[in-house]
Amino acid sequence: MENFIKMLKQTGLTNNEAKVYLTLIKTGRTGGSEIAKKSKIYRPYVYDNLKKLQEKGLVSETIIKNKKTFSAVSPEKLL
């Protein structure tokens, strides 16, 4: 996991962006609270990082039953 985070950071992601992205890769489509719990990042920071990842085109957002969920695009997009 640490090696993958290092690789993600080499592509220009911050440490927290890399952790959030990796959590989404591992869990699939999920909400911000679940990402915070699994990544051990303070929830407001998770949402900040999700927004940055969306701006970079690495995360998509969907609303299902009035709840925001997020999913990561394929890691191949980073290449």
C-alpha atoms as a PDB file:
ATOM      1  CA  MET A   1       0.000   0.000   0.000  1.00  0.00           C
ATOM      2  CA  GLU A   2       2.778   2.443   0.897  1.00  0.00           C
ATOM      3  CA  ASN A   3       4.485   1.783  -2.444  1.00  0.00           C
ATOM      4  CA  PHE A   4       1.276   2.601  -4.293  1.00  0.00           C
ATOM      5  CA  ILE A   5       0.895   5.826  -2.297  1.00  0.00           C
ATOM      6  CA  LYS A   6       4.483   6.754  -3.223  1.00  0.00           C
ATOM      7  CA  MET A   7       3.694   6.141  -6.889  1.00  0.00           C
ATOM      8  CA  LEU A   8       0.550   8.261  -6.655  1.00  0.00           C
ATOM      9  CA  LYS A   9       2.504  11.071  -5.016  1.00  0.00           C
ATOM     10  CA  GLN A  10       4.998  10.949  -7.893  1.00  0.00           C
ATOM     11  CA  THR A  11       2.103  11.706 -10.260  1.00  0.00           C
ATOM     12  CA  GLY A  12       1.477  14.941  -8.380  1.00  0.00           C
ATOM     13  CA  LEU A  13      -1.061  13.914  -5.750  1.00  0.00           C
ATOM     14  CA  THR A  14      -0.709  14.973  -2.138  1.00  0.00           C
ATOM     15  CA  ASN A  15      -0.424  12.329   0.566  1.00  0.00           C
ATOM     16  CA  ASN A  16      -4.095  12.703   1.555  1.00  0.00           C
ATOM     17  CA  GLU A  17      -5.284  12.734  -2.073  1.00  0.00           C
ATOM     18  CA  ALA A  18      -3.365   9.504  -2.624  1.00  0.00           C
ATOM     19  CA  LYS A  19      -4.903   7.897   0.482  1.00  0.00           C
ATOM     20  CA  VAL A  20      -8.432   8.929  -0.508  1.00  0.00           C
ATOM     21  CA  TYR A  21      -7.927   7.704  -4.079  1.00  0.00           C
ATOM     22  CA  LEU A  22      -6.470   4.391  -2.905  1.00  0.00           C
ATOM     23  CA  THR A  23      -9.359   3.920  -0.460  1.00  0.00           C
ATOM     24  CA  LEU A  24     -11.812   4.409  -3.317  1.00  0.00           C
ATOM     25  CA  ILE A  25      -9.923   1.939  -5.501  1.00  0.00           C
ATOM     26  CA  LYS A  26     -10.109  -0.650  -2.729  1.00  0.00           C
ATOM     27  CA  THR A  27     -13.732  -0.080  -1.634  1.00  0.00           C
ATOM     28  CA  GLY A  28     -15.444   0.934  -4.852  1.00  0.00           C
ATOM     29  CA  ARG A  29     -18.338   3.414  -4.870  1.00  0.00           C
ATOM     30  CA  THR A  30     -18.877   4.734  -1.361  1.00  0.00           C
ATOM     31  CA  GLY A  31     -19.711   7.832   0.675  1.00  0.00           C
ATOM     32  CA  GLY A  32     -17.400  10.351   2.278  1.00  0.00           C
ATOM     33  CA  SER A  33     -17.952   9.118   5.826  1.00  0.00           C
ATOM     34  CA  GLU A  34     -16.903   5.599   4.880  1.00  0.00           C
ATOM     35  CA  ILE A  35     -13.833   6.933   3.078  1.00  0.00           C
ATOM     36  CA  ALA A  36     -12.912   8.914   6.207  1.00  0.00           C
ATOM     37  CA  LYS A  37     -13.283   5.855   8.404  1.00  0.00           C
ATOM     38  CA  LYS A  38     -11.219   3.576   6.160  1.00  0.00           C
ATOM     39  CA  SER A  39      -8.519   6.102   5.280  1.00  0.00           C
ATOM     40  CA  LYS A  40      -8.318   7.503   8.833  1.00  0.00           C
ATOM     41  CA  ILE A  41      -8.485  11.052   7.504  1.00  0.00           C
ATOM     42  CA  TYR A  42     -10.647  13.679   9.212  1.00  0.00           C
ATOM     43  CA  ARG A  43     -13.976  13.769   7.303  1.00  0.00           C
ATOM     44  CA  PRO A  44     -13.893  17.458   6.253  1.00  0.00           C
ATOM     45  CA  TYR A  45     -10.411  16.863   4.808  1.00  0.00           C
ATOM     46  CA  VAL A  46     -11.746  13.864   2.897  1.00  0.00           C
ATOM     47  CA  TYR A  47     -14.329  16.070   1.186  1.00  0.00           C
ATOM     48  CA  ASP A  48     -11.686  18.692   0.363  1.00  0.00           C
ATOM     49  CA  ASN A  49      -9.500  16.006  -1.185  1.00  0.00           C
ATOM     50  CA  LEU A  50     -12.422  14.464  -3.060  1.00  0.00           C
ATOM     51  CA  LYS A  51     -13.113  17.856  -4.628  1.00  0.00           C
ATOM     52  CA  LYS A  52      -9.468  18.200  -5.681  1.00  0.00           C
ATOM     53  CA  LEU A  53      -9.486  14.675  -7.120  1.00  0.00           C
ATOM     54  CA  GLN A  54     -12.681  15.474  -9.041  1.00  0.00           C
ATOM     55  CA  GLU A  55     -11.024  18.578 -10.491  1.00  0.00           C
ATOM     56  CA  LYS A  56      -8.127  16.366 -11.612  1.00  0.00           C
ATOM     57  CA  GLY A  57     -10.579  13.942 -13.241  1.00  0.00           C
ATOM     58  CA  LEU A  58      -9.721  11.038 -10.940  1.00  0.00           C
ATOM     59  CA  VAL A  59     -12.966  10.776  -8.960  1.00  0.00           C
ATOM     60  CA  SER A  60     -16.590  10.896 -10.037  1.00  0.00           C
ATOM     61  CA  GLU A  61     -19.575  11.798  -7.882  1.00  0.00           C
ATOM     62  CA  THR A  62     -23.053  10.302  -8.098  1.00  0.00           C
ATOM     63  CA  ILE A  63     -26.136  10.970  -6.017  1.00  0.00           C
ATOM     64  CA  ILE A  64     -28.005   7.790  -5.079  1.00  0.00           C
ATOM     65  CA  LYS A  65     -31.126   8.077  -2.906  1.00  0.00           C
ATOM     66  CA  ASN A  66     -30.176  11.657  -1.938  1.00  0.00           C
ATOM     67  CA  LYS A  67     -26.707  10.557  -0.797  1.00  0.00           C
ATOM     68  CA  LYS A  68     -23.452  11.516  -2.503  1.00  0.00           C
ATOM     69  CA  THR A  69     -21.246   8.610  -3.407  1.00  0.00           C
ATOM     70  CA  PHE A  70     -17.839   8.706  -4.996  1.00  0.00           C
ATOM     71  CA  SER A  71     -15.862   6.348  -7.180  1.00  0.00           C
ATOM     72  CA  ALA A  72     -12.334   6.388  -8.533  1.00  0.00           C
ATOM     73  CA  VAL A  73     -11.555   6.273 -12.210  1.00  0.00           C
ATOM     74  CA  SER A  74      -9.167   3.599 -13.390  1.00  0.00           C
ATOM     75  CA  PRO A  75      -5.574   3.990 -12.202  1.00  0.00           C
ATOM     76  CA  GLU A  76      -4.575   3.737 -15.882  1.00  0.00           C
ATOM     77  CA  LYS A  77      -5.876   7.301 -16.291  1.00  0.00           C
ATOM     78  CA  LEU A  78      -2.942   8.480 -14.159  1.00  0.00           C
ATOM     79  CA  LEU A  79      -0.515   7.108 -16.714  1.00  0.00           C
END
